[in-house]
């Protein structure tokens, strides 16, 4: 949301700490996987397909058994744009239906 982005941008700048420094004994492929998947900028982090094909997950990767869906429009995640589209009661009902 816009509030989340504003909050993050208001935080003081801190130089990032490398996972290899935080976890010096960790598997280098695991560190690479963490770095690539936990990159904050969605334009820079790896896709789901790239993550599944990462060498760290090689033992679990089966391209014949991993369905692919088209990416969601980024506007889908702009919750502030859609907050007035449904009433509070409609939202409660949708949440209830999703849980059942």
PDB file of N, CA and C in Angstrom:
ATOM      1  N   UNK A   1       0.836  -1.184   0.000  1.00  0.00           N
ATOM      2  CA  UNK A   1       0.000   0.000   0.000  1.00  0.00           C
ATOM      3  C   UNK A   1       0.881   1.247   0.000  1.00  0.00           C
ATOM      4  N   UNK A   2       0.254   2.336  -0.272  1.00  0.00           N
ATOM      5  CA  UNK A   2       0.978   3.608  -0.272  1.00  0.00           C
ATOM      6  C   UNK A   2       1.542   3.896   1.119  1.00  0.00           C
ATOM      7  N   UNK A   3       0.756   3.597   2.165  1.00  0.00           N
ATOM      8  CA  UNK A   3       1.244   3.830   3.540  1.00  0.00           C
ATOM      9  C   UNK A   3       2.489   3.005   3.825  1.00  0.00           C
ATOM     10  N   UNK A   4       2.499   1.771   3.371  1.00  0.00           N
ATOM     11  CA  UNK A   4       3.661   0.902   3.592  1.00  0.00           C
ATOM     12  C   UNK A   4       4.894   1.463   2.894  1.00  0.00           C
ATOM     13  N   UNK A   5       4.711   1.879   1.649  1.00  0.00           N
ATOM     14  CA  UNK A   5       5.843   2.448   0.909  1.00  0.00           C
ATOM     15  C   UNK A   5       6.349   3.722   1.577  1.00  0.00           C
ATOM     16  N   UNK A   6       5.424   4.575   2.012  1.00  0.00           N
ATOM     17  CA  UNK A   6       5.823   5.816   2.679  1.00  0.00           C
ATOM     18  C   UNK A   6       6.581   5.521   3.968  1.00  0.00           C
ATOM     19  N   UNK A   7       6.131   4.512   4.704  1.00  0.00           N
ATOM     20  CA  UNK A   7       6.800   4.133   5.946  1.00  0.00           C
ATOM     21  C   UNK A   7       8.225   3.662   5.658  1.00  0.00           C
ATOM     22  N   UNK A   8       8.370   2.789   4.682  1.00  0.00           N
ATOM     23  CA  UNK A   8       9.698   2.266   4.329  1.00  0.00           C
ATOM     24  C   UNK A   8      10.613   3.404   3.878  1.00  0.00           C
ATOM     25  N   UNK A   9      10.087   4.294   3.071  1.00  0.00           N
ATOM     26  CA  UNK A   9      10.907   5.405   2.566  1.00  0.00           C
ATOM     27  C   UNK A   9      11.304   6.375   3.674  1.00  0.00           C
ATOM     28  N   UNK A  10      10.502   6.451   4.741  1.00  0.00           N
ATOM     29  CA  UNK A  10      10.795   7.365   5.843  1.00  0.00           C
ATOM     30  C   UNK A  10      11.860   6.811   6.793  1.00  0.00           C
ATOM     31  N   UNK A  11      12.142   5.527   6.699  1.00  0.00           N
ATOM     32  CA  UNK A  11      13.164   4.938   7.566  1.00  0.00           C
ATOM     33  C   UNK A  11      14.533   5.498   7.201  1.00  0.00           C
ATOM     34  N   UNK A  12      15.409   5.627   8.199  1.00  0.00           N
ATOM     35  CA  UNK A  12      16.752   6.132   7.878  1.00  0.00           C
ATOM     36  C   UNK A  12      17.514   5.139   7.002  1.00  0.00           C
ATOM     37  N   UNK A  13      18.378   5.669   6.156  1.00  0.00           N
ATOM     38  CA  UNK A  13      19.166   4.817   5.264  1.00  0.00           C
ATOM     39  C   UNK A  13      20.133   3.973   6.080  1.00  0.00           C
ATOM     40  N   UNK A  14      20.175   2.706   5.757  1.00  0.00           N
ATOM     41  CA  UNK A  14      21.145   1.797   6.367  1.00  0.00           C
ATOM     42  C   UNK A  14      21.765   0.974   5.258  1.00  0.00           C
ATOM     43  N   UNK A  15      23.061   0.873   5.299  1.00  0.00           N
ATOM     44  CA  UNK A  15      23.748   0.042   4.315  1.00  0.00           C
ATOM     45  C   UNK A  15      23.351  -1.409   4.572  1.00  0.00           C
ATOM     46  N   UNK A  16      23.056  -2.123   3.516  1.00  0.00           N
ATOM     47  CA  UNK A  16      22.617  -3.504   3.697  1.00  0.00           C
ATOM     48  C   UNK A  16      23.776  -4.370   4.177  1.00  0.00           C
ATOM     49  N   UNK A  17      23.404  -5.366   4.953  1.00  0.00           N
ATOM     50  CA  UNK A  17      24.393  -6.352   5.396  1.00  0.00           C
ATOM     51  C   UNK A  17      24.239  -7.567   4.496  1.00  0.00           C
ATOM     52  N   UNK A  18      25.340  -8.064   4.025  1.00  0.00           N
ATOM     53  CA  UNK A  18      25.312  -9.223   3.144  1.00  0.00           C
ATOM     54  C   UNK A  18      25.015 -10.484   3.946  1.00  0.00           C
ATOM     55  N   UNK A  19      24.183 -11.356   3.376  1.00  0.00           N
ATOM     56  CA  UNK A  19      23.856 -12.609   4.055  1.00  0.00           C
ATOM     57  C   UNK A  19      25.112 -13.437   4.315  1.00  0.00           C
ATOM     58  N   UNK A  20      26.079 -13.358   3.428  1.00  0.00           N
ATOM     59  CA  UNK A  20      27.324 -14.112   3.612  1.00  0.00           C
ATOM     60  C   UNK A  20      28.062 -13.648   4.865  1.00  0.00           C
ATOM     61  N   UNK A  21      27.907 -12.375   5.231  1.00  0.00           N
ATOM     62  CA  UNK A  21      28.523 -11.871   6.462  1.00  0.00           C
ATOM     63  C   UNK A  21      27.715 -12.284   7.687  1.00  0.00           C
ATOM     64  N   UNK A  22      26.406 -12.301   7.549  1.00  0.00           N
ATOM     65  CA  UNK A  22      25.539 -12.679   8.669  1.00  0.00           C
ATOM     66  C   UNK A  22      25.638 -14.177   8.939  1.00  0.00           C
ATOM     67  N   UNK A  23      25.715 -14.960   7.868  1.00  0.00           N
ATOM     68  CA  UNK A  23      25.777 -16.424   7.966  1.00  0.00           C
ATOM     69  C   UNK A  23      27.051 -16.928   7.280  1.00  0.00           C
ATOM     70  N   UNK A  24      28.205 -16.700   7.870  1.00  0.00           N
ATOM     71  CA  UNK A  24      29.460 -17.036   7.187  1.00  0.00           C
ATOM     72  C   UNK A  24      29.655 -18.531   6.914  1.00  0.00           C
ATOM     73  N   UNK A  25      28.983 -19.392   7.655  1.00  0.00           N
ATOM     74  CA  UNK A  25      29.158 -20.835   7.458  1.00  0.00           C
ATOM     75  C   UNK A  25      28.051 -21.450   6.600  1.00  0.00           C
ATOM     76  N   UNK A  26      27.160 -20.620   6.108  1.00  0.00           N
ATOM     77  CA  UNK A  26      26.029 -21.127   5.319  1.00  0.00           C
ATOM     78  C   UNK A  26      26.477 -21.563   3.927  1.00  0.00           C
ATOM     79  N   UNK A  27      25.716 -22.466   3.365  1.00  0.00           N
ATOM     80  CA  UNK A  27      25.918 -22.936   1.997  1.00  0.00           C
ATOM     81  C   UNK A  27      25.864 -21.726   1.059  1.00  0.00           C
ATOM     82  N   UNK A  28      26.834 -21.611   0.168  1.00  0.00           N
ATOM     83  CA  UNK A  28      26.879 -20.445  -0.730  1.00  0.00           C
ATOM     84  C   UNK A  28      25.662 -20.378  -1.650  1.00  0.00           C
ATOM     85  N   UNK A  29      25.137 -21.541  -2.042  1.00  0.00           N
ATOM     86  CA  UNK A  29      23.926 -21.536  -2.870  1.00  0.00           C
ATOM     87  C   UNK A  29      22.725 -21.040  -2.066  1.00  0.00           C
ATOM     88  N   UNK A  30      22.668 -21.392  -0.784  1.00  0.00           N
ATOM     89  CA  UNK A  30      21.577 -20.916   0.074  1.00  0.00           C
ATOM     90  C   UNK A  30      21.650 -19.404   0.228  1.00  0.00           C
ATOM     91  N   UNK A  31      22.839 -18.885   0.422  1.00  0.00           N
ATOM     92  CA  UNK A  31      23.027 -17.437   0.548  1.00  0.00           C
ATOM     93  C   UNK A  31      22.617 -16.738  -0.745  1.00  0.00           C
ATOM     94  N   UNK A  32      23.016 -17.290  -1.872  1.00  0.00           N
ATOM     95  CA  UNK A  32      22.644 -16.718  -3.166  1.00  0.00           C
ATOM     96  C   UNK A  32      21.127 -16.736  -3.344  1.00  0.00           C
ATOM     97  N   UNK A  33      20.495 -17.848  -2.974  1.00  0.00           N
ATOM     98  CA  UNK A  33      19.041 -17.975  -3.082  1.00  0.00           C
ATOM     99  C   UNK A  33      18.339 -16.933  -2.211  1.00  0.00           C
ATOM    100  N   UNK A  34      18.778 -16.798  -0.959  1.00  0.00           N
ATOM    101  CA  UNK A  34      18.197 -15.787  -0.067  1.00  0.00           C
ATOM    102  C   UNK A  34      18.352 -14.388  -0.643  1.00  0.00           C
ATOM    103  N   UNK A  35      19.533 -14.085  -1.100  1.00  0.00           N
ATOM    104  CA  UNK A  35      19.803 -12.754  -1.644  1.00  0.00           C
ATOM    105  C   UNK A  35      18.883 -12.439  -2.817  1.00  0.00           C
ATOM    106  N   UNK A  36      18.716 -13.403  -3.697  1.00  0.00           N
ATOM    107  CA  UNK A  36      17.906 -13.168  -4.892  1.00  0.00           C
ATOM    108  C   UNK A  36      16.408 -13.145  -4.610  1.00  0.00           C
ATOM    109  N   UNK A  37      15.951 -13.909  -3.621  1.00  0.00           N
ATOM    110  CA  UNK A  37      14.510 -13.945  -3.344  1.00  0.00           C
ATOM    111  C   UNK A  37      14.066 -12.866  -2.365  1.00  0.00           C
ATOM    112  N   UNK A  38      14.965 -12.391  -1.524  1.00  0.00           N
ATOM    113  CA  UNK A  38      14.579 -11.393  -0.524  1.00  0.00           C
ATOM    114  C   UNK A  38      14.955  -9.971  -0.914  1.00  0.00           C
ATOM    115  N   UNK A  39      15.274  -9.769  -2.157  1.00  0.00           N
ATOM    116  CA  UNK A  39      15.514  -8.415  -2.653  1.00  0.00           C
ATOM    117  C   UNK A  39      14.192  -7.660  -2.611  1.00  0.00           C
ATOM    118  N   UNK A  40      14.197  -6.492  -1.990  1.00  0.00           N
ATOM    119  CA  UNK A  40      12.958  -5.751  -1.754  1.00  0.00           C
ATOM    120  C   UNK A  40      12.312  -5.249  -3.044  1.00  0.00           C
ATOM    121  N   UNK A  41      13.100  -4.779  -3.962  1.00  0.00           N
ATOM    122  CA  UNK A  41      12.569  -4.208  -5.203  1.00  0.00           C
ATOM    123  C   UNK A  41      12.039  -5.325  -6.106  1.00  0.00           C
ATOM    124  N   UNK A  42      10.720  -5.353  -6.372  1.00  0.00           N
ATOM    125  CA  UNK A  42      10.153  -6.430  -7.188  1.00  0.00           C
ATOM    126  C   UNK A  42      10.705  -6.469  -8.611  1.00  0.00           C
ATOM    127  N   UNK A  43      11.261  -5.370  -9.077  1.00  0.00           N
ATOM    128  CA  UNK A  43      11.849  -5.354 -10.420  1.00  0.00           C
ATOM    129  C   UNK A  43      13.219  -6.034 -10.436  1.00  0.00           C
ATOM    130  N   UNK A  44      13.803  -6.218  -9.252  1.00  0.00           N
ATOM    131  CA  UNK A  44      15.154  -6.781  -9.179  1.00  0.00           C
ATOM    132  C   UNK A  44      15.192  -8.205  -8.637  1.00  0.00           C
ATOM    133  N   UNK A  45      14.178  -8.616  -7.870  1.00  0.00           N
ATOM    134  CA  UNK A  45      14.265  -9.983  -7.339  1.00  0.00           C
ATOM    135  C   UNK A  45      13.845 -11.002  -8.385  1.00  0.00           C
ATOM    136  N   UNK A  46      14.263 -12.251  -8.168  1.00  0.00           N
ATOM    137  CA  UNK A  46      14.013 -13.274  -9.181  1.00  0.00           C
ATOM    138  C   UNK A  46      12.535 -13.664  -9.208  1.00  0.00           C
ATOM    139  N   UNK A  47      12.132 -14.188 -10.337  1.00  0.00           N
ATOM    140  CA  UNK A  47      10.752 -14.640 -10.508  1.00  0.00           C
ATOM    141  C   UNK A  47      10.565 -15.988  -9.817  1.00  0.00           C
ATOM    142  N   UNK A  48       9.325 -16.412  -9.711  1.00  0.00           N
ATOM    143  CA  UNK A  48       9.033 -17.724  -9.130  1.00  0.00           C
ATOM    144  C   UNK A  48       9.700 -18.813  -9.953  1.00  0.00           C
ATOM    145  N   UNK A  49       9.602 -18.705 -11.267  1.00  0.00           N
ATOM    146  CA  UNK A  49      10.212 -19.714 -12.139  1.00  0.00           C
ATOM    147  C   UNK A  49      11.725 -19.774 -11.938  1.00  0.00           C
ATOM    148  N   UNK A  50      12.349 -18.600 -11.823  1.00  0.00           N
ATOM    149  CA  UNK A  50      13.794 -18.559 -11.587  1.00  0.00           C
ATOM    150  C   UNK A  50      14.141 -19.137 -10.217  1.00  0.00           C
ATOM    151  N   UNK A  51      13.306 -18.853  -9.227  1.00  0.00           N
ATOM    152  CA  UNK A  51      13.547 -19.396  -7.886  1.00  0.00           C
ATOM    153  C   UNK A  51      13.449 -20.917  -7.894  1.00  0.00           C
ATOM    154  N   UNK A  52      12.427 -21.449  -8.550  1.00  0.00           N
ATOM    155  CA  UNK A  52      12.268 -22.906  -8.608  1.00  0.00           C
ATOM    156  C   UNK A  52      13.419 -23.579  -9.349  1.00  0.00           C
ATOM    157  N   UNK A  53      14.000 -22.883 -10.308  1.00  0.00           N
ATOM    158  CA  UNK A  53      15.102 -23.448 -11.087  1.00  0.00           C
ATOM    159  C   UNK A  53      16.472 -23.153 -10.469  1.00  0.00           C
ATOM    160  N   UNK A  54      16.489 -22.459  -9.339  1.00  0.00           N
ATOM    161  CA  UNK A  54      17.763 -22.109  -8.700  1.00  0.00           C
ATOM    162  C   UNK A  54      18.500 -23.380  -8.276  1.00  0.00           C
ATOM    163  N   UNK A  55      19.818 -23.416  -8.423  1.00  0.00           N
ATOM    164  CA  UNK A  55      20.591 -24.608  -8.056  1.00  0.00           C
ATOM    165  C   UNK A  55      20.387 -25.063  -6.611  1.00  0.00           C
ATOM    166  N   UNK A  56      20.078 -24.143  -5.702  1.00  0.00           N
ATOM    167  CA  UNK A  56      19.858 -24.536  -4.307  1.00  0.00           C
ATOM    168  C   UNK A  56      18.645 -25.458  -4.169  1.00  0.00           C
ATOM    169  N   UNK A  57      17.673 -25.320  -5.048  1.00  0.00           N
ATOM    170  CA  UNK A  57      16.458 -26.145  -5.001  1.00  0.00           C
ATOM    171  C   UNK A  57      16.484 -27.273  -6.025  1.00  0.00           C
ATOM    172  N   UNK A  58      17.634 -27.537  -6.584  1.00  0.00           N
ATOM    173  CA  UNK A  58      17.754 -28.520  -7.661  1.00  0.00           C
ATOM    174  C   UNK A  58      17.129 -29.872  -7.310  1.00  0.00           C
ATOM    175  N   UNK A  59      17.295 -30.327  -6.083  1.00  0.00           N
ATOM    176  CA  UNK A  59      16.763 -31.639  -5.687  1.00  0.00           C
ATOM    177  C   UNK A  59      15.236 -31.679  -5.726  1.00  0.00           C
ATOM    178  N   UNK A  60      14.595 -30.513  -5.635  1.00  0.00           N
ATOM    179  CA  UNK A  60      13.126 -30.452  -5.585  1.00  0.00           C
ATOM    180  C   UNK A  60      12.504 -29.964  -6.884  1.00  0.00           C
ATOM    181  N   UNK A  61      13.319 -29.512  -7.800  1.00  0.00           N
ATOM    182  CA  UNK A  61      12.831 -28.894  -9.040  1.00  0.00           C
ATOM    183  C   UNK A  61      12.404 -29.957 -10.050  1.00  0.00           C
ATOM    184  N   UNK A  62      11.159 -29.856 -10.489  1.00  0.00           N
ATOM    185  CA  UNK A  62      10.639 -30.754 -11.524  1.00  0.00           C
ATOM    186  C   UNK A  62       9.804 -29.917 -12.486  1.00  0.00           C
ATOM    187  N   UNK A  63      10.400 -29.431 -13.563  1.00  0.00           N
ATOM    188  CA  UNK A  63       9.675 -28.545 -14.479  1.00  0.00           C
ATOM    189  C   UNK A  63       8.423 -29.169 -15.074  1.00  0.00           C
ATOM    190  N   UNK A  64       8.351 -30.502 -15.094  1.00  0.00           N
ATOM    191  CA  UNK A  64       7.160 -31.161 -15.630  1.00  0.00           C
ATOM    192  C   UNK A  64       6.010 -31.180 -14.630  1.00  0.00           C
ATOM    193  N   UNK A  65       6.291 -30.830 -13.379  1.00  0.00           N
ATOM    194  CA  UNK A  65       5.261 -30.866 -12.337  1.00  0.00           C
ATOM    195  C   UNK A  65       5.149 -29.519 -11.622  1.00  0.00           C
ATOM    196  N   UNK A  66       5.396 -28.437 -12.340  1.00  0.00           N
ATOM    197  CA  UNK A  66       5.317 -27.096 -11.765  1.00  0.00           C
ATOM    198  C   UNK A  66       4.508 -26.207 -12.701  1.00  0.00           C
ATOM    199  N   UNK A  67       3.190 -26.160 -12.485  1.00  0.00           N
ATOM    200  CA  UNK A  67       2.358 -25.339 -13.370  1.00  0.00           C
ATOM    201  C   UNK A  67       2.741 -23.863 -13.278  1.00  0.00           C
ATOM    202  N   UNK A  68       2.582 -23.171 -14.382  1.00  0.00           N
ATOM    203  CA  UNK A  68       2.927 -21.754 -14.452  1.00  0.00           C
ATOM    204  C   UNK A  68       1.662 -20.966 -14.763  1.00  0.00           C
ATOM    205  N   UNK A  69       1.489 -19.868 -14.062  1.00  0.00           N
ATOM    206  CA  UNK A  69       0.343 -18.987 -14.299  1.00  0.00           C
ATOM    207  C   UNK A  69       0.872 -17.640 -14.778  1.00  0.00           C
ATOM    208  N   UNK A  70       0.065 -16.914 -15.529  1.00  0.00           N
ATOM    209  CA  UNK A  70       0.518 -15.584 -15.953  1.00  0.00           C
ATOM    210  C   UNK A  70       0.644 -14.673 -14.729  1.00  0.00           C
ATOM    211  N   UNK A  71       1.556 -13.723 -14.756  1.00  0.00           N
ATOM    212  CA  UNK A  71       1.729 -12.833 -13.604  1.00  0.00           C
ATOM    213  C   UNK A  71       0.503 -11.952 -13.398  1.00  0.00           C
ATOM    214  N   UNK A  72       0.264 -11.603 -12.148  1.00  0.00           N
ATOM    215  CA  UNK A  72      -0.833 -10.695 -11.827  1.00  0.00           C
ATOM    216  C   UNK A  72      -0.425  -9.277 -12.188  1.00  0.00           C
ATOM    217  N   UNK A  73      -1.400  -8.489 -12.579  1.00  0.00           N
ATOM    218  CA  UNK A  73      -1.160  -7.080 -12.842  1.00  0.00           C
ATOM    219  C   UNK A  73      -0.741  -6.431 -11.523  1.00  0.00           C
ATOM    220  N   UNK A  74       0.309  -5.625 -11.536  1.00  0.00           N
ATOM    221  CA  UNK A  74       0.784  -5.003 -10.300  1.00  0.00           C
ATOM    222  C   UNK A  74      -0.286  -4.154  -9.634  1.00  0.00           C
ATOM    223  N   UNK A  75      -1.242  -3.657 -10.414  1.00  0.00           N
ATOM    224  CA  UNK A  75      -2.330  -2.866  -9.837  1.00  0.00           C
ATOM    225  C   UNK A  75      -3.180  -3.709  -8.884  1.00  0.00           C
ATOM    226  N   UNK A  76      -3.177  -5.012  -9.059  1.00  0.00           N
ATOM    227  CA  UNK A  76      -3.921  -5.914  -8.184  1.00  0.00           C
ATOM    228  C   UNK A  76      -3.520  -5.708  -6.727  1.00  0.00           C
ATOM    229  N   UNK A  77      -2.259  -5.332  -6.502  1.00  0.00           N
ATOM    230  CA  UNK A  77      -1.752  -5.169  -5.148  1.00  0.00           C
ATOM    231  C   UNK A  77      -1.881  -3.742  -4.628  1.00  0.00           C
ATOM    232  N   UNK A  78      -2.470  -2.868  -5.400  1.00  0.00           N
ATOM    233  CA  UNK A  78      -2.702  -1.498  -4.953  1.00  0.00           C
ATOM    234  C   UNK A  78      -4.028  -1.463  -4.198  1.00  0.00           C
ATOM    235  N   UNK A  79      -4.004  -1.966  -2.975  1.00  0.00           N
ATOM    236  CA  UNK A  79      -5.232  -2.134  -2.202  1.00  0.00           C
ATOM    237  C   UNK A  79      -5.968  -0.822  -1.948  1.00  0.00           C
ATOM    238  N   UNK A  80      -5.228   0.269  -1.857  1.00  0.00           N
ATOM    239  CA  UNK A  80      -5.875   1.559  -1.637  1.00  0.00           C
ATOM    240  C   UNK A  80      -6.799   1.929  -2.796  1.00  0.00           C
ATOM    241  N   UNK A  81      -6.465   1.479  -3.997  1.00  0.00           N
ATOM    242  CA  UNK A  81      -7.297   1.787  -5.163  1.00  0.00           C
ATOM    243  C   UNK A  81      -8.636   1.060  -5.125  1.00  0.00           C
ATOM    244  N   UNK A  82      -8.681  -0.086  -4.446  1.00  0.00           N
ATOM    245  CA  UNK A  82      -9.866  -0.939  -4.468  1.00  0.00           C
ATOM    246  C   UNK A  82     -10.667  -0.915  -3.165  1.00  0.00           C
ATOM    247  N   UNK A  83     -10.222  -0.140  -2.192  1.00  0.00           N
ATOM    248  CA  UNK A  83     -10.850  -0.213  -0.874  1.00  0.00           C
ATOM    249  C   UNK A  83     -12.310   0.232  -0.867  1.00  0.00           C
ATOM    250  N   UNK A  84     -12.714   1.046  -1.814  1.00  0.00           N
ATOM    251  CA  UNK A  84     -14.095   1.525  -1.834  1.00  0.00           C
ATOM    252  C   UNK A  84     -14.984   0.729  -2.786  1.00  0.00           C
ATOM    253  N   UNK A  85     -14.437  -0.304  -3.417  1.00  0.00           N
ATOM    254  CA  UNK A  85     -15.205  -1.089  -4.385  1.00  0.00           C
ATOM    255  C   UNK A  85     -16.262  -1.973  -3.735  1.00  0.00           C
ATOM    256  N   UNK A  86     -16.016  -2.406  -2.507  1.00  0.00           N
ATOM    257  CA  UNK A  86     -16.981  -3.268  -1.818  1.00  0.00           C
ATOM    258  C   UNK A  86     -17.190  -2.749  -0.403  1.00  0.00           C
ATOM    259  N   UNK A  87     -18.340  -3.109   0.148  1.00  0.00           N
ATOM    260  CA  UNK A  87     -18.657  -2.668   1.506  1.00  0.00           C
ATOM    261  C   UNK A  87     -17.928  -3.538   2.522  1.00  0.00           C
ATOM    262  N   UNK A  88     -17.940  -3.099   3.743  1.00  0.00           N
ATOM    263  CA  UNK A  88     -17.323  -3.861   4.835  1.00  0.00           C
ATOM    264  C   UNK A  88     -17.985  -5.232   4.970  1.00  0.00           C
ATOM    265  N   UNK A  89     -19.311  -5.261   4.854  1.00  0.00           N
ATOM    266  CA  UNK A  89     -20.040  -6.531   4.978  1.00  0.00           C
ATOM    267  C   UNK A  89     -19.701  -7.479   3.830  1.00  0.00           C
ATOM    268  N   UNK A  90     -19.572  -6.937   2.626  1.00  0.00           N
ATOM    269  CA  UNK A  90     -19.185  -7.772   1.484  1.00  0.00           C
ATOM    270  C   UNK A  90     -17.783  -8.353   1.692  1.00  0.00           C
ATOM    271  N   UNK A  91     -16.893  -7.543   2.224  1.00  0.00           N
ATOM    272  CA  UNK A  91     -15.539  -8.009   2.498  1.00  0.00           C
ATOM    273  C   UNK A  91     -15.556  -9.126   3.538  1.00  0.00           C
ATOM    274  N   UNK A  92     -16.349  -8.958   4.590  1.00  0.00           N
ATOM    275  CA  UNK A  92     -16.472 -10.006   5.615  1.00  0.00           C
ATOM    276  C   UNK A  92     -16.986 -11.301   5.000  1.00  0.00           C
ATOM    277  N   UNK A  93     -17.974 -11.181   4.138  1.00  0.00           N
ATOM    278  CA  UNK A  93     -18.548 -12.362   3.490  1.00  0.00           C
ATOM    279  C   UNK A  93     -17.511 -13.056   2.598  1.00  0.00           C
ATOM    280  N   UNK A  94     -16.769 -12.277   1.831  1.00  0.00           N
ATOM    281  CA  UNK A  94     -15.731 -12.855   0.974  1.00  0.00           C
ATOM    282  C   UNK A  94     -14.652 -13.556   1.797  1.00  0.00           C
ATOM    283  N   UNK A  95     -14.259 -12.944   2.894  1.00  0.00           N
ATOM    284  CA  UNK A  95     -13.265 -13.575   3.768  1.00  0.00           C
ATOM    285  C   UNK A  95     -13.808 -14.866   4.367  1.00  0.00           C
ATOM    286  N   UNK A  96     -15.062 -14.833   4.786  1.00  0.00           N
ATOM    287  CA  UNK A  96     -15.676 -16.035   5.350  1.00  0.00           C
ATOM    288  C   UNK A  96     -15.722 -17.160   4.311  1.00  0.00           C
ATOM    289  N   UNK A  97     -16.153 -16.832   3.100  1.00  0.00           N
ATOM    290  CA  UNK A  97     -16.236 -17.837   2.032  1.00  0.00           C
ATOM    291  C   UNK A  97     -14.857 -18.417   1.708  1.00  0.00           C
ATOM    292  N   UNK A  98     -13.844 -17.574   1.768  1.00  0.00           N
ATOM    293  CA  UNK A  98     -12.488 -18.043   1.486  1.00  0.00           C
ATOM    294  C   UNK A  98     -12.008 -19.025   2.558  1.00  0.00           C
ATOM    295  N   UNK A  99     -12.439 -18.810   3.788  1.00  0.00           N
ATOM    296  CA  UNK A  99     -12.003 -19.673   4.893  1.00  0.00           C
ATOM    297  C   UNK A  99     -12.713 -21.020   4.913  1.00  0.00           C
ATOM    298  N   UNK A 100     -13.940 -21.070   4.394  1.00  0.00           N
ATOM    299  CA  UNK A 100     -14.708 -22.317   4.469  1.00  0.00           C
ATOM    300  C   UNK A 100     -14.352 -23.291   3.415  1.00  0.00           C
TER     301      UNK A 100
END
